[in-house]
PDB file of all heavy atoms in Angstrom:
ATOM      1  N   ALA A   1     125.714 109.900 108.648  1.00  0.00           N
ATOM      2  CA  ALA A   1     124.586 110.813 108.955  1.00  0.00           C
ATOM      3  C   ALA A   1     124.283 111.697 107.765  1.00  0.00           C
ATOM      4  O   ALA A   1     123.115 111.919 107.521  1.00  0.00           O
ATOM      5  CB  ALA A   1     124.988 111.741 110.228  1.00  0.00           C
ATOM      6  N   ASN A   2     125.236 112.259 107.048  1.00  0.00           N
ATOM      7  CA  ASN A   2     125.016 113.070 105.988  1.00  0.00           C
ATOM      8  C   ASN A   2     124.279 112.251 104.849  1.00  0.00           C
ATOM      9  O   ASN A   2     123.428 112.781 104.196  1.00  0.00           O
ATOM     10  CB  ASN A   2     126.273 113.544 105.405  1.00  0.00           C
ATOM     11  CG  ASN A   2     126.617 115.047 105.917  1.00  0.00           C
ATOM     12  OD1 ASN A   2     125.639 115.749 106.182  1.00  0.00           O
ATOM     13  ND2 ASN A   2     127.899 115.450 106.021  1.00  0.00           N
ATOM     14  N   LEU A   3     124.792 111.030 104.526  1.00  0.00           N
ATOM     15  CA  LEU A   3     124.173 110.210 103.569  1.00  0.00           C
ATOM     16  C   LEU A   3     122.720 109.868 103.900  1.00  0.00           C
ATOM     17  O   LEU A   3     121.860 109.801 103.026  1.00  0.00           O
ATOM     18  CB  LEU A   3     124.952 108.947 103.356  1.00  0.00           C
ATOM     19  CG  LEU A   3     126.441 109.048 102.732  1.00  0.00           C
ATOM     20  CD1 LEU A   3     127.159 107.801 102.747  1.00  0.00           C
ATOM     21  CD2 LEU A   3     126.290 109.528 101.315  1.00  0.00           C
ATOM     22  N   SER A   4     122.531 109.650 105.139  1.00  0.00           N
ATOM     23  CA  SER A   4     121.134 109.335 105.657  1.00  0.00           C
ATOM     24  C   SER A   4     120.252 110.571 105.440  1.00  0.00           C
ATOM     25  O   SER A   4     119.111 110.359 105.064  1.00  0.00           O
ATOM     26  CB  SER A   4     121.147 108.965 107.140  1.00  0.00           C
ATOM     27  OG  SER A   4     119.929 108.447 107.587  1.00  0.00           O
ATOM     28  N   LEU A   5     120.812 111.744 105.715  1.00  0.00           N
ATOM     29  CA  LEU A   5     120.059 112.899 105.559  1.00  0.00           C
ATOM     30  C   LEU A   5     119.744 113.168 104.000  1.00  0.00           C
ATOM     31  O   LEU A   5     118.638 113.645 103.718  1.00  0.00           O
ATOM     32  CB  LEU A   5     120.963 114.161 106.083  1.00  0.00           C
ATOM     33  CG  LEU A   5     120.490 115.580 105.692  1.00  0.00           C
ATOM     34  CD1 LEU A   5     119.297 115.824 106.446  1.00  0.00           C
ATOM     35  CD2 LEU A   5     121.553 116.549 106.042  1.00  0.00           C
ATOM     36  N   CYS A   6     120.627 112.840 103.227  1.00  0.00           N
ATOM     37  CA  CYS A   6     120.447 112.989 101.717  1.00  0.00           C
ATOM     38  C   CYS A   6     119.400 111.980 101.108  1.00  0.00           C
ATOM     39  O   CYS A   6     118.884 112.111 100.065  1.00  0.00           O
ATOM     40  CB  CYS A   6     121.754 112.743 100.967  1.00  0.00           C
ATOM     41  SG  CYS A   6     122.899 114.061 101.234  1.00  0.00           S
ATOM     42  N   GLY A   7     119.120 110.909 101.932  1.00  0.00           N
ATOM     43  CA  GLY A   7     118.074 109.968 101.523  1.00  0.00           C
ATOM     44  C   GLY A   7     118.741 108.814 100.668  1.00  0.00           C
ATOM     45  O   GLY A   7     118.011 108.294  99.776  1.00  0.00           O
ATOM     46  N   VAL A   8     120.036 108.574 100.935  1.00  0.00           N
ATOM     47  CA  VAL A   8     120.677 107.522 100.241  1.00  0.00           C
ATOM     48  C   VAL A   8     119.978 106.180 100.514  1.00  0.00           C
ATOM     49  O   VAL A   8     119.707 105.903 101.714  1.00  0.00           O
ATOM     50  CB  VAL A   8     122.187 107.421 100.502  1.00  0.00           C
ATOM     51  CG1 VAL A   8     122.886 106.182 100.115  1.00  0.00           C
ATOM     52  CG2 VAL A   8     122.847 108.654  99.966  1.00  0.00           C
ATOM     53  N   PRO A   9     119.752 105.249  99.659  1.00  0.00           N
ATOM     54  CA  PRO A   9     118.924 103.995  99.890  1.00  0.00           C
ATOM     55  C   PRO A   9     119.527 103.184 101.025  1.00  0.00           C
ATOM     56  O   PRO A   9     120.662 103.106 101.107  1.00  0.00           O
ATOM     57  CB  PRO A   9     119.027 103.302  98.503  1.00  0.00           C
ATOM     58  CG  PRO A   9     119.208 104.404  97.508  1.00  0.00           C
ATOM     59  CD  PRO A   9     119.952 105.395  98.207  1.00  0.00           C
ATOM     60  N   PHE A  10     118.499 102.701 101.765  1.00  0.00           N
ATOM     61  CA  PHE A  10     118.690 101.743 102.906  1.00  0.00           C
ATOM     62  C   PHE A  10     119.414 102.376 104.137  1.00  0.00           C
ATOM     63  O   PHE A  10     119.697 101.600 105.057  1.00  0.00           O
ATOM     64  CB  PHE A  10     119.567 100.461 102.341  1.00  0.00           C
ATOM     65  CG  PHE A  10     118.983  99.913 101.106  1.00  0.00           C
ATOM     66  CD1 PHE A  10     119.664  99.919  99.991  1.00  0.00           C
ATOM     67  CD2 PHE A  10     117.679  99.439 101.045  1.00  0.00           C
ATOM     68  CE1 PHE A  10     119.170  99.405  98.754  1.00  0.00           C
ATOM     69  CE2 PHE A  10     117.115  98.954  99.915  1.00  0.00           C
ATOM     70  CZ  PHE A  10     117.879  98.875  98.828  1.00  0.00           C
ATOM     71  N   LEU A  11     119.556 103.607 104.223  1.00  0.00           N
ATOM     72  CA  LEU A  11     119.866 104.257 105.396  1.00  0.00           C
ATOM     73  C   LEU A  11     118.558 104.895 106.093  1.00  0.00           C
ATOM     74  O   LEU A  11     117.511 104.881 105.394  1.00  0.00           O
ATOM     75  CB  LEU A  11     120.765 105.421 105.221  1.00  0.00           C
ATOM     76  CG  LEU A  11     122.237 104.939 104.810  1.00  0.00           C
ATOM     77  CD1 LEU A  11     123.187 106.099 104.547  1.00  0.00           C
ATOM     78  CD2 LEU A  11     122.845 104.043 105.810  1.00  0.00           C
ATOM     79  N   ALA A  12     118.577 105.398 107.328  1.00  0.00           N
ATOM     80  CA  ALA A  12     117.305 105.701 107.975  1.00  0.00           C
ATOM     81  C   ALA A  12     116.547 106.760 107.282  1.00  0.00           C
ATOM     82  O   ALA A  12     115.335 106.676 107.147  1.00  0.00           O
ATOM     83  CB  ALA A  12     117.754 106.168 109.485  1.00  0.00           C
ATOM     84  N   GLY A  13     117.194 107.757 106.772  1.00  0.00           N
ATOM     85  CA  GLY A  13     116.475 108.936 106.075  1.00  0.00           C
ATOM     86  C   GLY A  13     115.772 108.559 104.849  1.00  0.00           C
ATOM     87  O   GLY A  13     114.759 109.097 104.474  1.00  0.00           O
ATOM     88  N   PHE A  14     116.328 107.440 104.198  1.00  0.00           N
ATOM     89  CA  PHE A  14     115.685 107.038 102.869  1.00  0.00           C
ATOM     90  C   PHE A  14     114.289 106.541 103.127  1.00  0.00           C
ATOM     91  O   PHE A  14     113.381 106.800 102.360  1.00  0.00           O
ATOM     92  CB  PHE A  14     116.573 105.917 102.340  1.00  0.00           C
ATOM     93  CG  PHE A  14     115.890 105.146 101.220  1.00  0.00           C
ATOM     94  CD1 PHE A  14     115.841 105.772  99.984  1.00  0.00           C
ATOM     95  CD2 PHE A  14     115.401 103.818 101.345  1.00  0.00           C
ATOM     96  CE1 PHE A  14     115.230 105.004  98.920  1.00  0.00           C
ATOM     97  CE2 PHE A  14     114.851 103.138 100.397  1.00  0.00           C
ATOM     98  CZ  PHE A  14     114.765 103.747  99.137  1.00  0.00           C
ATOM     99  N   TYR A  15     114.038 105.780 104.155  1.00  0.00           N
ATOM    100  CA  TYR A  15     112.726 105.103 104.430  1.00  0.00           C
ATOM    101  C   TYR A  15     111.546 106.168 104.625  1.00  0.00           C
ATOM    102  O   TYR A  15     110.505 105.907 104.259  1.00  0.00           O
ATOM    103  CB  TYR A  15     112.722 104.144 105.640  1.00  0.00           C
ATOM    104  CG  TYR A  15     113.522 102.974 105.236  1.00  0.00           C
ATOM    105  CD1 TYR A  15     114.984 102.801 105.426  1.00  0.00           C
ATOM    106  CD2 TYR A  15     112.964 101.744 104.731  1.00  0.00           C
ATOM    107  CE1 TYR A  15     115.602 101.693 105.213  1.00  0.00           C
ATOM    108  CE2 TYR A  15     113.569 100.658 104.552  1.00  0.00           C
ATOM    109  CZ  TYR A  15     115.038 100.520 104.705  1.00  0.00           C
ATOM    110  OH  TYR A  15     115.628  99.377 104.379  1.00  0.00           O
ATOM    111  N   SER A  16     111.982 107.309 105.281  1.00  0.00           N
ATOM    112  CA  SER A  16     110.913 108.324 105.539  1.00  0.00           C
ATOM    113  C   SER A  16     110.756 109.364 104.330  1.00  0.00           C
ATOM    114  O   SER A  16     109.626 109.649 103.897  1.00  0.00           O
ATOM    115  CB  SER A  16     111.168 109.023 106.904  1.00  0.00           C
ATOM    116  OG  SER A  16     112.461 109.484 106.937  1.00  0.00           O
ATOM    117  N   LYS A  17     111.979 109.784 103.912  1.00  0.00           N
ATOM    118  CA  LYS A  17     112.046 110.820 102.885  1.00  0.00           C
ATOM    119  C   LYS A  17     111.444 110.343 101.665  1.00  0.00           C
ATOM    120  O   LYS A  17     110.641 111.037 100.960  1.00  0.00           O
ATOM    121  CB  LYS A  17     113.442 111.461 102.733  1.00  0.00           C
ATOM    122  CG  LYS A  17     113.816 112.468 103.703  1.00  0.00           C
ATOM    123  CD  LYS A  17     115.155 113.071 103.386  1.00  0.00           C
ATOM    124  CE  LYS A  17     115.044 114.188 102.377  1.00  0.00           C
ATOM    125  NZ  LYS A  17     116.359 114.846 102.178  1.00  0.00           N
ATOM    126  N   ASP A  18     111.931 109.176 101.124  1.00  0.00           N
ATOM    127  CA  ASP A  18     111.483 108.589  99.885  1.00  0.00           C
ATOM    128  C   ASP A  18     109.955 108.348  99.877  1.00  0.00           C
ATOM    129  O   ASP A  18     109.349 108.555  98.830  1.00  0.00           O
ATOM    130  CB  ASP A  18     112.290 107.347  99.644  1.00  0.00           C
ATOM    131  CG  ASP A  18     112.398 107.057  98.071  1.00  0.00           C
ATOM    132  OD1 ASP A  18     112.947 107.945  97.401  1.00  0.00           O
ATOM    133  OD2 ASP A  18     111.951 106.028  97.645  1.00  0.00           O
ATOM    134  N   LEU A  19     109.389 107.808 100.965  1.00  0.00           N
ATOM    135  CA  LEU A  19     108.003 107.652 101.069  1.00  0.00           C
ATOM    136  C   LEU A  19     107.271 108.841 100.994  1.00  0.00           C
ATOM    137  O   LEU A  19     106.183 108.875 100.305  1.00  0.00           O
ATOM    138  CB  LEU A  19     107.775 106.942 102.430  1.00  0.00           C
ATOM    139  CG  LEU A  19     106.480 105.920 102.412  1.00  0.00           C
ATOM    140  CD1 LEU A  19     106.524 104.992 101.325  1.00  0.00           C
ATOM    141  CD2 LEU A  19     106.431 105.180 103.798  1.00  0.00           C
ATOM    142  N   ILE A  20     107.709 109.909 101.611  1.00  0.00           N
ATOM    143  CA  ILE A  20     106.933 111.232 101.497  1.00  0.00           C
ATOM    144  C   ILE A  20     107.052 111.726 100.033  1.00  0.00           C
ATOM    145  O   ILE A  20     106.063 112.163  99.504  1.00  0.00           O
ATOM    146  CB  ILE A  20     107.667 112.221 102.369  1.00  0.00           C
ATOM    147  CG1 ILE A  20     107.493 111.866 103.866  1.00  0.00           C
ATOM    148  CG2 ILE A  20     107.075 113.808 102.153  1.00  0.00           C
ATOM    149  CD1 ILE A  20     108.197 112.822 104.862  1.00  0.00           C
ATOM    150  N   VAL A  21     108.198 111.608  99.406  1.00  0.00           N
ATOM    151  CA  VAL A  21     108.330 112.097  97.971  1.00  0.00           C
ATOM    152  C   VAL A  21     107.461 111.225  97.115  1.00  0.00           C
ATOM    153  O   VAL A  21     106.764 111.792  96.165  1.00  0.00           O
ATOM    154  CB  VAL A  21     109.788 112.029  97.538  1.00  0.00           C
ATOM    155  CG1 VAL A  21     109.940 112.226  96.060  1.00  0.00           C
ATOM    156  CG2 VAL A  21     110.711 112.956  98.302  1.00  0.00           C
ATOM    157  N   GLU A  22     107.456 109.898  97.313  1.00  0.00           N
ATOM    158  CA  GLU A  22     106.632 109.103  96.399  1.00  0.00           C
ATOM    159  C   GLU A  22     105.135 109.270  96.549  1.00  0.00           C
ATOM    160  O   GLU A  22     104.367 109.384  95.534  1.00  0.00           O
ATOM    161  CB  GLU A  22     106.969 107.594  96.653  1.00  0.00           C
ATOM    162  CG  GLU A  22     108.387 107.323  96.024  1.00  0.00           C
ATOM    163  CD  GLU A  22     108.711 105.749  96.255  1.00  0.00           C
ATOM    164  OE1 GLU A  22     107.952 105.173  96.944  1.00  0.00           O
ATOM    165  OE2 GLU A  22     109.683 105.369  95.653  1.00  0.00           O
ATOM    166  N   LEU A  23     104.689 109.503  97.795  1.00  0.00           N
ATOM    167  CA  LEU A  23     103.311 109.646  98.029  1.00  0.00           C
ATOM    168  C   LEU A  23     102.930 111.176  97.487  1.00  0.00           C
ATOM    169  O   LEU A  23     101.745 111.334  97.052  1.00  0.00           O
ATOM    170  CB  LEU A  23     102.944 109.553  99.412  1.00  0.00           C
ATOM    171  CG  LEU A  23     102.872 108.198  99.889  1.00  0.00           C
ATOM    172  CD1 LEU A  23     102.720 107.950 101.470  1.00  0.00           C
ATOM    173  CD2 LEU A  23     101.717 107.310  99.266  1.00  0.00           C
ATOM    174  N   ALA A  24     103.854 112.088  97.685  1.00  0.00           N
ATOM    175  CA  ALA A  24     103.567 113.445  97.186  1.00  0.00           C
ATOM    176  C   ALA A  24     103.394 113.472  95.660  1.00  0.00           C
ATOM    177  O   ALA A  24     102.697 114.214  95.095  1.00  0.00           O
ATOM    178  CB  ALA A  24     104.713 114.335  97.622  1.00  0.00           C
ATOM    179  N   CYS A  25     104.170 112.597  94.949  1.00  0.00           N
ATOM    180  CA  CYS A  25     104.014 112.407  93.497  1.00  0.00           C
ATOM    181  C   CYS A  25     102.672 111.944  93.070  1.00  0.00           C
ATOM    182  O   CYS A  25     102.246 112.140  91.912  1.00  0.00           O
ATOM    183  CB  CYS A  25     105.133 111.482  93.023  1.00  0.00           C
ATOM    184  SG  CYS A  25     106.816 112.308  93.074  1.00  0.00           S
TER     185      CYS A  25
END
């Protein structure tokens, strides 16, 4: 759960957080 929260690739949090960050860029 912690790794998913951090946005580690291929866990649940990565798919949403990374997309937000990339689109924000």
